[in-house]
Amino acid sequence: MKVVLINPDIGHAERIESQAAWPPHGLLYLGSVLQKGGHDVNVIDNGRTQLPIDRLLKRVKNENPDVVGIGALTPTFKQSVRIAKAVKSEIPDAKIVFGNYHPTFTYEKILKKYKFVDYVVRGEGEETFLELVEAIKSGKKVEKIAGLAYRQGKTVKSSPRLPIQDLDNLPFPDRSLLEQEYYSEIMGAIGSGGRFTTILTSRGCPYKCRYCACAAFSHRKIRYRSPESVVAEMEQIHNEGYEEIGIVDDNFFVNKKWMDRIFTLIRENDLKFKFWAEGRVDNASREMLKKFAGVGCKIIYYGMESGSQKVLDYFKKNTTPEMNRKVVLNSKAAGIENVIGSFIVGAPVETKADVRQTLDFIMSLDGIDFPQINPLCISPGMELWDDALRGGYMKEDEMWEEEHIALNIFPSQITEAEVMGMIKGFYSDFVMRPSFLVQQLLKTLKSEYRLRVLLKNMGSGTSLRSTLKQFTQRYGGPSP
């Protein structure tokens, strides 16, 4: 069977992501599983290429697929629908299959509204999608395929499929399916100095953050690949010429003994990488961070979320502002060169003073290299989404296809325009501080890695002025 897998764009020009998108890791896993099953696979990452639909459709038609799989997150869902409709109109015999987070939580509405979508894969897709493709090939019925939804007069949902327990049984993602080089970004600038790819070492999340759908998708369970499997894939990545790896786990820092074994195997195999990772502040001990830095970790994103304990408690984050402050100091003491803090503002419980408290807190963080701040948004699968429905604050039938800024849904004490203006003003103040600029310059002059990144940006024409302009465009409205 000929299968085309599509990672959609969001449908309009993007600020940074079109240039700095990370590889569509989930589709690469699907591609490898399908290839192992004897199927012909082509991956089109339109999040990276940003092709208009007519050109994307031409590419799909050239492949003449039997099945088209589209992975949709909430921000890309509407574009996914446009792509699917265009494909079905030109290749009516091709089966259209939706999967990923958004379809998992909204499959009934998708199948009811969009008749050109034939199937929805619910949850992790490798086993379900392979069984579906083989059933389509053989002409067999699909009723017994777990994790599937489809129409049979009405919407039919098969039995749920449990998340894959032994992740070592999955083949490594086939990166040769990708057509472009990838790199990451920091503040709109290229963030990687060498050839970049990603790796997944575990799946799932045991935490209960109200603003995240990951726990619902993974049934609040975390599963680990064996350290031997992880490092074997790293060896393959090394042999393919990659120099930097972004670890895309939901929670890489949870299991310290498991991490120690990975670090030991990296050293034993003399693998030289620069690593990116994300993690919770309460899982990042100085001892672990020192070991991670010792095997090449250069950048860590921490989900700090807020400088207000009231807001952290509202999010059910189970952390404190002091933990946020401590993890920055511990990271720097351990030798992590670049510390990025991710923050969310605009919770319904926040006042303008609360938002200001978080912005002031960020400004006071000694050692942080850059904060990424976003307004709180809600989408299907989140506890906050369910809260909004239960509270009668939104009509799901009218709003399920998009994410929504929480301030525009819940009764709130501050407006979206005020929050956006405060973020815009903060970035201008944060970046243009002479002390910050001098500090970052000195760090760069002392770091071979940072110098490589700087040279790559200079070669691509990226400038601080253009980067700041992107943020100005993103966060419109008057500064407070």
Protein backbone atom coordinates (compact mmCIF):
# COMPACT_ATOMS: atom_id res chain seq x y z
CA MET A 1 0.00 0.00 0.00
CA LYS A 2 1.12 3.54 -0.74
CA VAL A 3 0.77 5.80 2.30
CA VAL A 4 1.36 9.54 2.54
CA LEU A 5 1.73 11.01 6.03
CA ILE A 6 1.22 14.77 6.40
CA ASN A 7 2.23 17.09 9.21
CA PRO A 8 0.08 20.18 8.53
CA ASP A 9 1.00 23.82 8.96
CA ILE A 10 -1.33 26.21 10.76
CA GLY A 11 -2.68 27.75 7.58
CA HIS A 12 -0.98 31.12 7.61
CA ALA A 13 2.51 32.57 7.80
CA GLU A 14 4.16 31.68 11.06
CA ARG A 15 6.39 33.84 13.20
CA ILE A 16 9.28 31.44 13.71
CA GLU A 17 8.03 27.89 13.44
CA SER A 18 8.20 27.50 9.67
CA GLN A 19 11.95 28.00 9.80
CA ALA A 20 12.68 26.27 13.08
CA ALA A 21 10.15 23.45 13.27
CA TRP A 22 11.37 20.28 14.93
CA PRO A 23 10.96 17.02 12.98
CA PRO A 24 7.48 15.41 13.12
CA HIS A 25 8.65 12.62 15.38
CA GLY A 26 5.31 10.83 15.62
CA LEU A 27 4.98 10.55 11.84
CA LEU A 28 8.50 9.17 11.60
CA TYR A 29 7.58 6.41 14.03
CA LEU A 30 4.46 5.67 11.97
CA GLY A 31 6.54 5.65 8.81
CA SER A 32 9.04 3.17 10.23
CA VAL A 33 6.28 0.85 11.48
CA LEU A 34 4.54 0.94 8.10
CA GLN A 35 7.79 0.30 6.23
CA LYS A 36 8.53 -2.66 8.47
CA GLY A 37 5.07 -3.95 7.50
CA GLY A 38 6.02 -3.74 3.83
CA HIS A 39 4.24 -0.54 2.89
CA ASP A 40 5.53 2.37 0.79
CA VAL A 41 5.65 5.59 2.84
CA ASN A 42 6.17 9.26 2.05
CA VAL A 43 6.23 11.99 4.71
CA ILE A 44 5.34 15.58 3.89
CA ASP A 45 6.15 17.95 6.73
CA ASN A 46 4.21 21.03 5.75
CA GLY A 47 4.90 22.54 9.14
CA ARG A 48 8.43 22.90 7.79
CA THR A 49 7.91 23.48 4.07
CA GLN A 50 4.84 25.77 4.40
CA LEU A 51 3.50 24.85 0.96
CA PRO A 52 0.15 26.38 -0.03
CA ILE A 53 -2.57 23.76 -0.35
CA ASP A 54 -2.53 23.69 -4.16
CA ARG A 55 1.18 22.85 -4.24
CA LEU A 56 0.82 20.40 -1.36
CA LEU A 57 -2.03 18.71 -3.22
CA LYS A 58 0.11 18.40 -6.34
CA ARG A 59 2.75 16.59 -4.31
CA VAL A 60 0.20 14.21 -2.82
CA LYS A 61 -1.30 13.49 -6.27
CA ASN A 62 2.15 12.66 -7.61
CA GLU A 63 2.41 9.98 -4.94
CA ASN A 64 -1.06 8.59 -5.81
CA PRO A 65 -1.57 7.19 -2.29
CA ASP A 66 -4.04 4.58 -1.13
CA VAL A 67 -4.11 6.09 2.37
CA VAL A 68 -3.37 9.62 3.60
CA GLY A 69 -2.67 10.05 7.31
CA ILE A 70 -2.85 13.55 8.81
CA GLY A 71 -1.58 14.31 12.31
CA ALA A 72 -3.52 17.22 13.77
CA LEU A 73 -2.90 19.28 16.86
CA THR A 74 -5.49 21.87 17.82
CA PRO A 75 -3.60 24.83 16.23
CA THR A 76 -3.28 22.90 12.94
CA PHE A 77 -6.70 21.24 12.91
CA LYS A 78 -8.54 23.63 10.59
CA GLN A 79 -5.72 23.46 8.07
CA SER A 80 -5.79 19.68 8.39
CA VAL A 81 -9.45 19.78 7.35
CA ARG A 82 -8.66 21.98 4.34
CA ILE A 83 -5.88 19.63 3.26
CA ALA A 84 -8.07 16.54 3.71
CA LYS A 85 -10.92 18.07 1.71
CA ALA A 86 -8.58 18.99 -1.13
CA VAL A 87 -7.01 15.52 -1.22
CA LYS A 88 -10.39 13.77 -1.19
CA SER A 89 -11.71 15.94 -4.00
CA GLU A 90 -8.77 15.03 -6.25
CA ILE A 91 -8.12 11.46 -5.07
CA PRO A 92 -11.58 10.22 -4.01
CA ASP A 93 -10.47 6.61 -3.57
CA ALA A 94 -7.78 7.51 -1.03
CA LYS A 95 -8.73 6.82 2.56
CA ILE A 96 -8.27 9.85 4.82
CA VAL A 97 -7.16 9.09 8.37
CA PHE A 98 -6.83 11.66 11.16
CA GLY A 99 -4.79 11.13 14.30
CA ASN A 100 -2.85 12.84 17.13
CA TYR A 101 -4.13 14.84 20.11
CA HIS A 102 -7.00 16.87 18.69
CA PRO A 103 -8.72 14.04 16.78
CA THR A 104 -8.31 11.73 19.76
CA PHE A 105 -10.48 14.02 21.87
CA THR A 106 -12.91 15.18 19.15
CA TYR A 107 -13.33 12.13 16.89
CA GLU A 108 -17.15 12.09 17.11
CA LYS A 109 -17.46 15.68 15.96
CA ILE A 110 -14.91 15.21 13.17
CA LEU A 111 -16.68 12.18 11.72
CA LYS A 112 -20.09 13.84 12.02
CA LYS A 113 -19.11 17.12 10.34
CA TYR A 114 -16.45 16.10 7.82
CA LYS A 115 -17.63 13.24 5.61
CA PHE A 116 -14.35 13.19 3.68
CA VAL A 117 -12.54 11.94 6.80
CA ASP A 118 -12.85 8.16 6.75
CA TYR A 119 -11.17 7.13 10.00
CA VAL A 120 -9.82 8.60 13.21
CA VAL A 121 -7.04 6.90 15.17
CA ARG A 122 -7.50 7.48 18.90
CA GLY A 123 -4.39 7.64 21.07
CA GLU A 124 -0.98 6.28 20.09
CA GLY A 125 -1.16 5.37 16.45
CA GLU A 126 1.56 2.91 15.50
CA GLU A 127 -0.35 -0.34 16.06
CA THR A 128 -3.81 0.96 15.17
CA PHE A 129 -2.71 2.66 11.95
CA LEU A 130 -0.73 -0.35 10.75
CA GLU A 131 -3.69 -2.68 11.36
CA LEU A 132 -5.98 -0.24 9.56
CA VAL A 133 -3.74 0.01 6.49
CA GLU A 134 -3.47 -3.78 6.30
CA ALA A 135 -7.25 -4.13 6.63
CA ILE A 136 -7.79 -1.62 3.81
CA LYS A 137 -5.28 -3.51 1.67
CA SER A 138 -6.94 -6.88 2.24
CA GLY A 139 -10.51 -5.62 2.19
CA LYS A 140 -11.16 -6.90 5.68
CA LYS A 141 -13.55 -5.28 8.12
CA VAL A 142 -12.14 -2.88 10.70
CA GLU A 143 -14.52 -3.47 13.61
CA LYS A 144 -11.99 -5.41 15.65
CA ILE A 145 -9.19 -2.85 15.31
CA ALA A 146 -8.78 -1.28 18.75
CA GLY A 147 -8.31 2.49 19.01
CA LEU A 148 -10.29 3.35 15.89
CA ALA A 149 -13.36 5.46 15.11
CA TYR A 150 -15.25 5.53 11.81
CA ARG A 151 -18.71 5.90 10.30
CA GLN A 152 -21.10 3.04 9.73
CA GLY A 153 -24.33 4.95 9.34
CA LYS A 154 -23.40 6.56 12.62
CA THR A 155 -20.07 7.07 14.37
CA VAL A 156 -18.64 3.79 15.62
CA LYS A 157 -15.92 3.64 18.26
CA SER A 158 -13.99 0.41 18.67
CA SER A 159 -12.56 -0.70 22.00
CA PRO A 160 -9.77 1.51 23.35
CA ARG A 161 -6.19 0.54 22.68
CA LEU A 162 -3.86 0.64 25.65
CA PRO A 163 -0.69 2.70 25.23
CA ILE A 164 2.28 0.68 23.97
CA GLN A 165 4.02 -0.80 27.00
CA ASP A 166 7.28 -2.05 25.51
CA LEU A 167 8.58 0.89 23.52
CA ASP A 168 11.71 -1.08 22.58
CA ASN A 169 9.54 -3.07 20.17
CA LEU A 170 9.07 0.00 17.98
CA PRO A 171 11.58 0.45 15.14
CA PHE A 172 13.71 3.58 15.28
CA PRO A 173 12.19 6.57 13.45
CA ASP A 174 13.38 6.69 9.84
CA ARG A 175 14.87 10.15 9.47
CA SER A 176 15.57 9.52 5.78
CA LEU A 177 11.84 10.15 5.24
CA LEU A 178 12.51 13.84 5.89
CA GLU A 179 13.38 16.18 3.06
CA GLN A 180 14.75 19.21 4.91
CA GLU A 181 17.32 19.94 7.55
CA TYR A 182 15.95 21.02 10.93
CA TYR A 183 17.21 23.29 13.65
CA SER A 184 15.73 24.74 16.77
CA GLU A 185 15.21 28.34 17.81
CA ILE A 186 15.60 30.69 20.70
CA MET A 187 13.75 33.98 20.50
CA GLY A 188 13.36 33.67 16.75
CA ALA A 189 17.02 33.02 16.12
CA ILE A 190 18.62 29.72 15.13
CA GLY A 191 19.36 27.90 18.36
CA SER A 192 21.48 24.98 17.17
CA GLY A 193 25.01 25.15 15.85
CA GLY A 194 25.20 21.74 14.18
CA ARG A 195 23.04 19.23 12.34
CA PHE A 196 19.96 18.77 14.52
CA THR A 197 17.39 16.02 15.11
CA THR A 198 15.17 14.74 17.92
CA ILE A 199 14.82 11.58 19.98
CA LEU A 200 12.09 10.21 22.21
CA THR A 201 13.22 8.15 25.20
CA SER A 202 9.94 7.80 27.11
CA ARG A 203 6.24 8.47 26.65
CA GLY A 204 3.57 9.79 28.94
CA CYS A 205 3.09 12.07 31.91
CA PRO A 206 1.98 11.25 35.49
CA TYR A 207 1.22 14.85 36.48
CA LYS A 208 -2.08 16.74 36.60
CA CYS A 209 -1.41 20.21 35.18
CA ARG A 210 -4.76 21.73 34.21
CA TYR A 211 -3.44 23.44 31.06
CA CYS A 212 -2.04 20.31 29.38
CA ALA A 213 -3.66 17.43 27.45
CA CYS A 214 -0.65 15.12 27.63
CA ALA A 215 -1.77 13.31 30.77
CA ALA A 216 -5.20 12.56 29.31
CA PHE A 217 -3.63 11.30 26.07
CA SER A 218 -1.22 8.99 27.92
CA HIS A 219 -3.67 7.91 30.66
CA ARG A 220 -1.39 9.58 33.21
CA LYS A 221 1.23 6.84 32.83
CA ILE A 222 4.89 7.10 31.88
CA ARG A 223 6.71 4.36 29.97
CA TYR A 224 10.43 4.13 29.33
CA ARG A 225 12.56 2.77 26.56
CA SER A 226 15.50 0.79 27.85
CA PRO A 227 18.71 2.82 28.14
CA GLU A 228 20.33 0.35 25.75
CA SER A 229 17.69 1.04 23.09
CA VAL A 230 18.01 4.80 23.59
CA VAL A 231 21.77 4.80 23.17
CA ALA A 232 21.63 2.38 20.23
CA GLU A 233 19.44 4.95 18.45
CA MET A 234 21.89 7.68 19.43
CA GLU A 235 24.66 5.65 17.80
CA GLN A 236 22.57 5.45 14.63
CA ILE A 237 21.94 9.19 14.80
CA HIS A 238 25.69 9.78 15.20
CA ASN A 239 26.45 7.59 12.18
CA GLU A 240 23.94 9.59 10.13
CA GLY A 241 25.93 12.75 10.81
CA TYR A 242 23.78 14.52 13.40
CA GLU A 243 25.50 16.64 16.01
CA GLU A 244 22.65 17.91 18.20
CA ILE A 245 19.68 16.09 19.70
CA GLY A 246 16.49 17.52 21.15
CA ILE A 247 14.93 15.12 23.66
CA VAL A 248 11.18 15.38 23.10
CA ASP A 249 9.98 13.44 26.15
CA ASP A 250 7.14 14.88 28.19
CA ASN A 251 9.15 14.22 31.38
CA PHE A 252 12.79 13.30 30.81
CA PHE A 253 13.91 14.05 34.38
CA VAL A 254 11.59 11.78 36.36
CA ASN A 255 13.61 8.55 36.73
CA LYS A 256 17.12 9.33 37.98
CA LYS A 257 18.43 5.73 37.97
CA TRP A 258 17.30 5.29 34.38
CA MET A 259 18.91 8.59 33.38
CA ASP A 260 22.18 7.60 35.07
CA ARG A 261 22.30 4.45 32.96
CA ILE A 262 21.75 6.44 29.76
CA PHE A 263 24.52 8.86 30.69
CA THR A 264 26.87 5.96 31.48
CA LEU A 265 26.21 4.33 28.12
CA ILE A 266 26.72 7.63 26.29
CA ARG A 267 30.15 7.94 27.89
CA GLU A 268 31.04 4.28 27.32
CA ASN A 269 30.18 4.61 23.64
CA ASP A 270 32.05 7.92 23.38
CA LEU A 271 29.06 9.68 21.82
CA LYS A 272 29.60 13.42 21.41
CA PHE A 273 26.34 15.33 21.14
CA LYS A 274 24.91 18.65 22.19
CA PHE A 275 21.60 17.97 23.90
CA TRP A 276 18.38 19.95 24.34
CA ALA A 277 15.81 18.84 26.90
CA GLU A 278 12.66 19.93 28.72
CA GLY A 279 11.77 19.22 32.32
CA ARG A 280 9.97 20.07 35.52
CA VAL A 281 11.79 22.19 38.07
CA ASP A 282 11.06 19.78 40.92
CA ASN A 283 12.80 16.89 39.15
CA ALA A 284 16.05 18.66 38.31
CA SER A 285 18.61 18.12 41.08
CA ARG A 286 22.03 19.73 40.86
CA GLU A 287 23.68 16.28 40.85
CA MET A 288 21.60 15.11 37.89
CA LEU A 289 22.14 18.37 36.02
CA LYS A 290 25.91 18.08 36.47
CA LYS A 291 25.86 14.58 34.98
CA PHE A 292 23.71 15.75 32.08
CA ALA A 293 26.00 18.67 31.38
CA GLY A 294 28.91 16.24 31.47
CA VAL A 295 27.54 14.31 28.49
CA GLY A 296 26.76 17.41 26.46
CA CYS A 297 23.51 19.05 27.58
CA LYS A 298 23.57 22.68 26.47
CA ILE A 299 19.97 23.86 26.72
CA ILE A 300 17.12 23.04 29.10
CA TYR A 301 13.58 24.37 28.91
CA TYR A 302 11.87 24.42 32.28
CA GLY A 303 8.11 24.64 32.70
CA MET A 304 8.16 27.37 35.35
CA GLU A 305 4.73 28.77 34.39
CA SER A 306 4.40 31.53 36.99
CA GLY A 307 6.04 33.62 39.68
CA SER A 308 2.80 33.60 41.69
CA GLN A 309 2.04 30.75 44.07
CA LYS A 310 -1.66 31.45 43.63
CA VAL A 311 -1.41 30.82 39.93
CA LEU A 312 0.83 27.75 40.29
CA ASP A 313 -1.74 26.28 42.65
CA TYR A 314 -4.54 27.07 40.19
CA PHE A 315 -2.59 25.20 37.50
CA LYS A 316 -2.09 22.24 39.89
CA LYS A 317 1.59 22.50 39.14
CA ASN A 318 2.75 21.42 42.64
CA THR A 319 5.79 23.67 42.45
CA THR A 320 6.77 27.01 43.95
CA PRO A 321 8.41 30.19 42.68
CA GLU A 322 11.37 29.35 44.92
CA MET A 323 11.82 26.05 43.07
CA ASN A 324 11.88 28.03 39.82
CA ARG A 325 14.58 30.30 41.19
CA LYS A 326 16.62 27.43 42.61
CA VAL A 327 16.61 25.36 39.43
CA VAL A 328 18.16 28.23 37.45
CA LEU A 329 20.97 28.56 39.97
CA ASN A 330 21.50 24.79 40.11
CA SER A 331 21.55 24.54 36.32
CA LYS A 332 24.18 27.22 35.99
CA ALA A 333 26.26 25.73 38.81
CA ALA A 334 26.07 22.35 37.06
CA GLY A 335 27.35 23.77 33.77
CA ILE A 336 24.14 24.05 31.70
CA GLU A 337 24.97 26.93 29.37
CA ASN A 338 21.47 27.98 28.34
CA VAL A 339 18.44 28.00 30.64
CA ILE A 340 15.05 28.84 29.17
CA GLY A 341 11.99 29.36 31.37
CA SER A 342 8.51 28.78 29.96
CA PHE A 343 5.77 30.91 31.52
CA ILE A 344 1.99 31.14 31.14
CA VAL A 345 0.07 34.28 32.04
CA GLY A 346 -3.59 35.15 31.83
CA ALA A 347 -5.18 32.55 34.07
CA PRO A 348 -8.76 33.45 35.04
CA VAL A 349 -7.68 33.92 38.67
CA GLU A 350 -4.99 36.44 37.73
CA THR A 351 -5.24 40.16 38.17
CA LYS A 352 -3.04 42.65 36.43
CA ALA A 353 -0.95 42.74 39.62
CA ASP A 354 -0.51 38.95 39.46
CA VAL A 355 0.74 39.12 35.87
CA ARG A 356 3.09 41.91 36.91
CA GLN A 357 4.31 39.73 39.78
CA THR A 358 5.31 37.01 37.31
CA LEU A 359 7.02 39.46 34.97
CA ASP A 360 8.92 41.01 37.87
CA PHE A 361 9.85 37.54 39.08
CA ILE A 362 11.32 36.66 35.68
CA MET A 363 13.28 39.89 35.65
CA SER A 364 14.75 38.95 39.02
CA LEU A 365 15.87 35.44 38.03
CA ASP A 366 19.64 35.41 38.26
CA GLY A 367 21.11 33.35 35.44
CA ILE A 368 18.10 32.80 33.20
CA ASP A 369 19.03 33.23 29.56
CA PHE A 370 15.60 33.77 28.14
CA PRO A 371 11.93 33.41 29.14
CA GLN A 372 9.22 32.29 26.76
CA ILE A 373 5.86 33.75 27.79
CA ASN A 374 2.49 32.79 26.35
CA PRO A 375 -1.10 33.61 27.25
CA LEU A 376 -3.04 30.70 28.73
CA CYS A 377 -4.96 28.88 26.00
CA ILE A 378 -7.36 25.98 26.35
CA SER A 379 -8.12 23.14 23.92
CA PRO A 380 -9.81 19.73 23.97
CA GLY A 381 -8.21 17.21 26.32
CA MET A 382 -7.29 19.74 28.98
CA GLU A 383 -8.90 19.83 32.40
CA LEU A 384 -9.47 23.55 31.91
CA TRP A 385 -11.41 22.80 28.71
CA ASP A 386 -13.67 20.46 30.63
CA ASP A 387 -14.04 23.04 33.40
CA ALA A 388 -15.16 25.64 30.87
CA LEU A 389 -17.79 23.27 29.50
CA ARG A 390 -19.08 22.28 32.93
CA GLY A 391 -19.25 25.91 33.97
CA GLY A 392 -21.30 26.84 30.91
CA TYR A 393 -18.68 29.32 29.72
CA MET A 394 -18.45 27.94 26.18
CA LYS A 395 -20.56 26.05 23.65
CA GLU A 396 -18.53 23.06 22.59
CA ASP A 397 -20.37 22.52 19.31
CA GLU A 398 -19.33 26.01 18.21
CA MET A 399 -15.78 26.07 19.61
CA TRP A 400 -14.26 22.57 19.45
CA GLU A 401 -12.14 23.14 16.35
CA GLU A 402 -9.80 25.77 17.82
CA GLU A 403 -7.87 26.65 20.91
CA HIS A 404 -9.09 29.70 22.83
CA ILE A 405 -7.42 32.23 25.06
CA ALA A 406 -8.73 31.46 28.54
CA LEU A 407 -9.35 35.10 29.39
CA ASN A 408 -11.93 35.23 26.62
CA ILE A 409 -13.77 32.18 27.95
CA PHE A 410 -13.80 32.30 31.75
CA PRO A 411 -14.92 35.25 33.88
CA SER A 412 -11.62 37.11 34.23
CA GLN A 413 -10.12 40.13 35.90
CA ILE A 414 -7.88 41.21 33.05
CA THR A 415 -8.33 41.40 29.28
CA GLU A 416 -6.43 39.72 26.48
CA ALA A 417 -5.28 43.11 25.17
CA GLU A 418 -3.88 44.04 28.58
CA VAL A 419 -1.99 40.77 28.90
CA MET A 420 -0.55 40.97 25.38
CA GLY A 421 0.52 44.54 25.98
CA MET A 422 2.25 43.58 29.22
CA ILE A 423 4.12 40.72 27.51
CA LYS A 424 5.22 43.00 24.69
CA GLY A 425 6.46 45.64 27.10
CA PHE A 426 8.25 43.04 29.20
CA TYR A 427 10.21 41.59 26.28
CA SER A 428 11.38 45.02 25.24
CA ASP A 429 12.51 45.81 28.79
CA PHE A 430 14.09 42.39 29.37
CA VAL A 431 16.14 42.14 26.21
CA MET A 432 17.31 45.73 26.01
CA ARG A 433 18.79 45.88 29.51
CA PRO A 434 22.51 46.72 29.17
CA SER A 435 23.30 44.22 31.92
CA PHE A 436 21.52 41.43 30.01
CA LEU A 437 23.21 42.26 26.71
CA VAL A 438 26.67 42.42 28.31
CA GLN A 439 26.05 39.18 30.21
CA GLN A 440 24.96 37.33 27.08
CA LEU A 441 27.89 38.69 25.09
CA LEU A 442 30.37 37.50 27.72
CA LYS A 443 28.70 34.08 27.87
CA THR A 444 28.92 33.80 24.09
CA LEU A 445 32.59 34.76 23.96
CA LYS A 446 33.38 32.04 26.53
CA SER A 447 31.33 29.31 24.84
CA GLU A 448 32.38 27.41 21.73
CA TYR A 449 28.80 26.19 21.35
CA ARG A 450 27.29 29.67 21.53
CA LEU A 451 29.87 30.97 19.05
CA ARG A 452 28.88 28.24 16.58
CA VAL A 453 25.24 29.21 16.97
CA LEU A 454 26.11 32.89 16.48
CA LEU A 455 28.03 32.14 13.30
CA LYS A 456 25.15 30.08 11.95
CA ASN A 457 22.77 32.97 12.58
CA MET A 458 25.12 35.40 10.92
CA GLY A 459 25.34 33.07 7.92
CA SER A 460 21.54 32.92 7.65
CA GLY A 461 21.11 36.67 8.02
CA THR A 462 19.31 36.49 11.36
CA SER A 463 19.64 39.68 13.38
CA LEU A 464 18.62 40.83 16.84
CA ARG A 465 16.54 43.59 15.25
CA SER A 466 14.54 41.16 13.10
CA THR A 467 14.07 38.86 16.06
CA LEU A 468 12.70 41.65 18.23
CA LYS A 469 10.44 42.70 15.37
CA GLN A 470 8.90 39.22 15.33
CA PHE A 471 8.01 39.53 18.98
CA THR A 472 6.58 42.99 18.46
CA GLN A 473 4.35 41.61 15.71
CA ARG A 474 3.27 38.70 17.86
CA TYR A 475 2.38 40.66 20.95
CA GLY A 476 0.50 43.62 19.53
CA GLY A 477 -1.18 46.31 21.57
CA PRO A 478 0.15 49.12 23.71
CA SER A 479 2.78 48.54 26.34
CA PRO A 480 1.63 49.25 29.90
